[in-house]
Structure formats: structure tokens, C-alpha cells
C-alpha atoms as a PDB file:
ATOM      1  CA  MET A   1      19.236  30.639 305.205  1.00  0.00           C
ATOM      2  CA  ALA A   2      21.176  27.189 304.355  1.00  0.00           C
ATOM      3  CA  PRO A   3      23.476  25.860 306.420  1.00  0.00           C
ATOM      4  CA  ASN A   4      26.406  25.855 304.549  1.00  0.00           C
ATOM      5  CA  LEU A   5      27.312  28.024 301.850  1.00  0.00           C
ATOM      6  CA  PRO A   6      29.083  27.285 298.899  1.00  0.00           C
ATOM      7  CA  PHE A   7      32.214  29.248 297.477  1.00  0.00           C
ATOM      8  CA  ILE A   8      31.919  31.264 294.263  1.00  0.00           C
ATOM      9  CA  ASP A   9      33.979  33.177 292.964  1.00  0.00           C
ATOM     10  CA  LEU A  10      33.344  34.184 289.624  1.00  0.00           C
ATOM     11  CA  ASP A  11      35.993  36.203 287.671  1.00  0.00           C
ATOM     12  CA  GLU A  12      35.450  40.298 288.230  1.00  0.00           C
ATOM     13  CA  GLU A  13      37.210  40.751 284.376  1.00  0.00           C
ATOM     14  CA  TYR A  14      34.029  39.100 282.701  1.00  0.00           C
ATOM     15  CA  TYR A  15      30.894  38.847 285.887  1.00  0.00           C
ATOM     16  CA  LYS A  16      31.606  41.876 287.354  1.00  0.00           C
ATOM     17  CA  ALA A  17      28.016  44.586 286.317  1.00  0.00           C
ATOM     18  CA  VAL A  18      24.870  43.336 285.679  1.00  0.00           C
ATOM     19  CA  GLU A  19      24.040  43.099 282.548  1.00  0.00           C
ATOM     20  CA  ASP A  20      27.796  41.308 282.035  1.00  0.00           C
ATOM     21  CA  PHE A  21      26.592  38.988 284.424  1.00  0.00           C
ATOM     22  CA  ASP A  22      22.651  37.870 282.818  1.00  0.00           C
ATOM     23  CA  LYS A  23      24.923  38.214 279.239  1.00  0.00           C
ATOM     24  CA  ARG A  24      26.662  34.621 281.246  1.00  0.00           C
ATOM     25  CA  PHE A  25      23.751  33.670 282.778  1.00  0.00           C
ATOM     26  CA  PRO A  26      20.531  34.182 279.806  1.00  0.00           C
ATOM     27  CA  THR A  27      18.573  30.631 280.915  1.00  0.00           C
ATOM     28  CA  GLY A  28      19.513  31.457 285.101  1.00  0.00           C
ATOM     29  CA  VAL A  29      22.304  30.692 287.321  1.00  0.00           C
ATOM     30  CA  PRO A  30      23.284  26.782 287.601  1.00  0.00           C
ATOM     31  CA  SER A  31      21.925  25.026 290.496  1.00  0.00           C
ATOM     32  CA  LEU A  32      24.200  24.962 293.475  1.00  0.00           C
ATOM     33  CA  LYS A  33      21.897  23.035 295.994  1.00  0.00           C
ATOM     34  CA  GLU A  34      24.738  20.427 296.294  1.00  0.00           C
ATOM     35  CA  ALA A  35      27.562  22.535 295.201  1.00  0.00           C
ATOM     36  CA  GLU A  36      30.717  22.802 297.604  1.00  0.00           C
ATOM     37  CA  SER A  37      32.079  25.888 295.518  1.00  0.00           C
ATOM     38  CA  LEU A  38      31.909  27.281 291.453  1.00  0.00           C
ATOM     39  CA  VAL A  39      35.312  28.640 290.612  1.00  0.00           C
ATOM     40  CA  VAL A  40      34.962  31.159 287.337  1.00  0.00           C
ATOM     41  CA  SER A  41      38.114  31.959 285.306  1.00  0.00           C
ATOM     42  CA  GLY A  42      38.004  33.122 282.004  1.00  0.00           C
ATOM     43  CA  ASP A  43      34.306  34.295 280.016  1.00  0.00           C
ATOM     44  CA  TRP A  44      31.872  31.953 280.497  1.00  0.00           C
ATOM     45  CA  ALA A  45      28.539  31.545 279.520  1.00  0.00           C
ATOM     46  CA  PHE A  46      26.012  28.765 281.164  1.00  0.00           C
ATOM     47  CA  GLY A  47      23.171  26.937 279.249  1.00  0.00           C
ATOM     48  CA  LYS A  48      20.130  26.052 280.639  1.00  0.00           C
ATOM     49  CA  GLY A  49      20.163  23.539 283.560  1.00  0.00           C
ATOM     50  CA  VAL A  50      23.357  23.386 284.597  1.00  0.00           C
ATOM     51  CA  SER A  51      24.418  22.014 288.173  1.00  0.00           C
ATOM     52  CA  VAL A  52      26.925  22.274 290.109  1.00  0.00           C
ATOM     53  CA  LYS A  53      27.912  18.981 292.914  1.00  0.00           C
ATOM     54  CA  GLY A  54      31.393  19.415 295.102  1.00  0.00           C
ATOM     55  CA  ALA A  55      33.875  21.830 293.940  1.00  0.00           C
ATOM     56  CA  ALA A  56      33.959  22.826 290.416  1.00  0.00           C
ATOM     57  CA  ARG A  57      36.107  24.818 288.207  1.00  0.00           C
ATOM     58  CA  LEU A  58      35.924  26.174 285.214  1.00  0.00           C
ATOM     59  CA  GLU A  59      39.637  28.023 284.112  1.00  0.00           C
ATOM     60  CA  GLY A  60      40.234  29.487 280.319  1.00  0.00           C
ATOM     61  CA  GLU A  61      40.270  33.033 278.360  1.00  0.00           C
ATOM     62  CA  HIS A  62      36.146  31.378 277.190  1.00  0.00           C
ATOM     63  CA  GLY A  63      34.142  28.354 277.245  1.00  0.00           C
ATOM     64  CA  ARG A  64      30.791  27.213 277.210  1.00  0.00           C
ATOM     65  CA  VAL A  65      28.779  24.997 279.976  1.00  0.00           C
ATOM     66  CA  GLU A  66      26.352  23.185 277.617  1.00  0.00           C
ATOM     67  CA  ALA A  67      22.542  22.668 279.204  1.00  0.00           C
ATOM     68  CA  GLY A  68      21.750  20.399 281.807  1.00  0.00           C
ATOM     69  CA  ALA A  69      26.053  19.528 282.883  1.00  0.00           C
ATOM     70  CA  VAL A  70      26.871  18.777 285.742  1.00  0.00           C
ATOM     71  CA  LEU A  71      29.838  20.369 286.952  1.00  0.00           C
ATOM     72  CA  GLY A  72      32.167  19.059 289.554  1.00  0.00           C
ATOM     73  CA  GLU A  73      33.439  16.229 292.417  1.00  0.00           C
ATOM     74  CA  GLY A  74      36.947  18.282 292.333  1.00  0.00           C
ATOM     75  CA  THR A  75      37.183  18.147 288.717  1.00  0.00           C
ATOM     76  CA  SER A  76      37.749  21.276 286.011  1.00  0.00           C
ATOM     77  CA  SER A  77      37.371  22.689 282.581  1.00  0.00           C
ATOM     78  CA  GLU A  78      39.964  24.454 280.584  1.00  0.00           C
END
């Protein structure tokens, strides 16, 4: 088991059911190896090869994280 597991909070309205989860992560979940936290509020879809470093927060009604993006370092997107 990893010594420091990141805090993950996904908007229950969009990520509750497995089929909804799969629709938003069609090519797999982001890499969380260097993540402290990932908080997603709203309907966000993720491209291939996304990674999280440090703390990341996504907010807004909906959005898309493009393939290869690096989220984190305390920044947030709206």
C-alpha cells in the first residue's frame, strides 16, 4: 500500500454510477502518483495520459481535460 494516498473527491452527480464514471474516463483515470488531492466539481471528461501533481481542483458546469495535461501545483480550472 502506498504511504500517502491522495484525497479524491468526485462530484456525485456525475461520477456515482460505473457507466457514468467510464464515460468521463474513456481512456483511463489520471495518474495520481504525484498527487496530493484531486477535487472535481461538475461534469468533466478526461483525455488519455492526464496526470495530477500536487493539489488540483476542477470546477464548473462541464469541461474537458485534454490528453497529456498535467493538473495540479495548487492551480484550479473553471
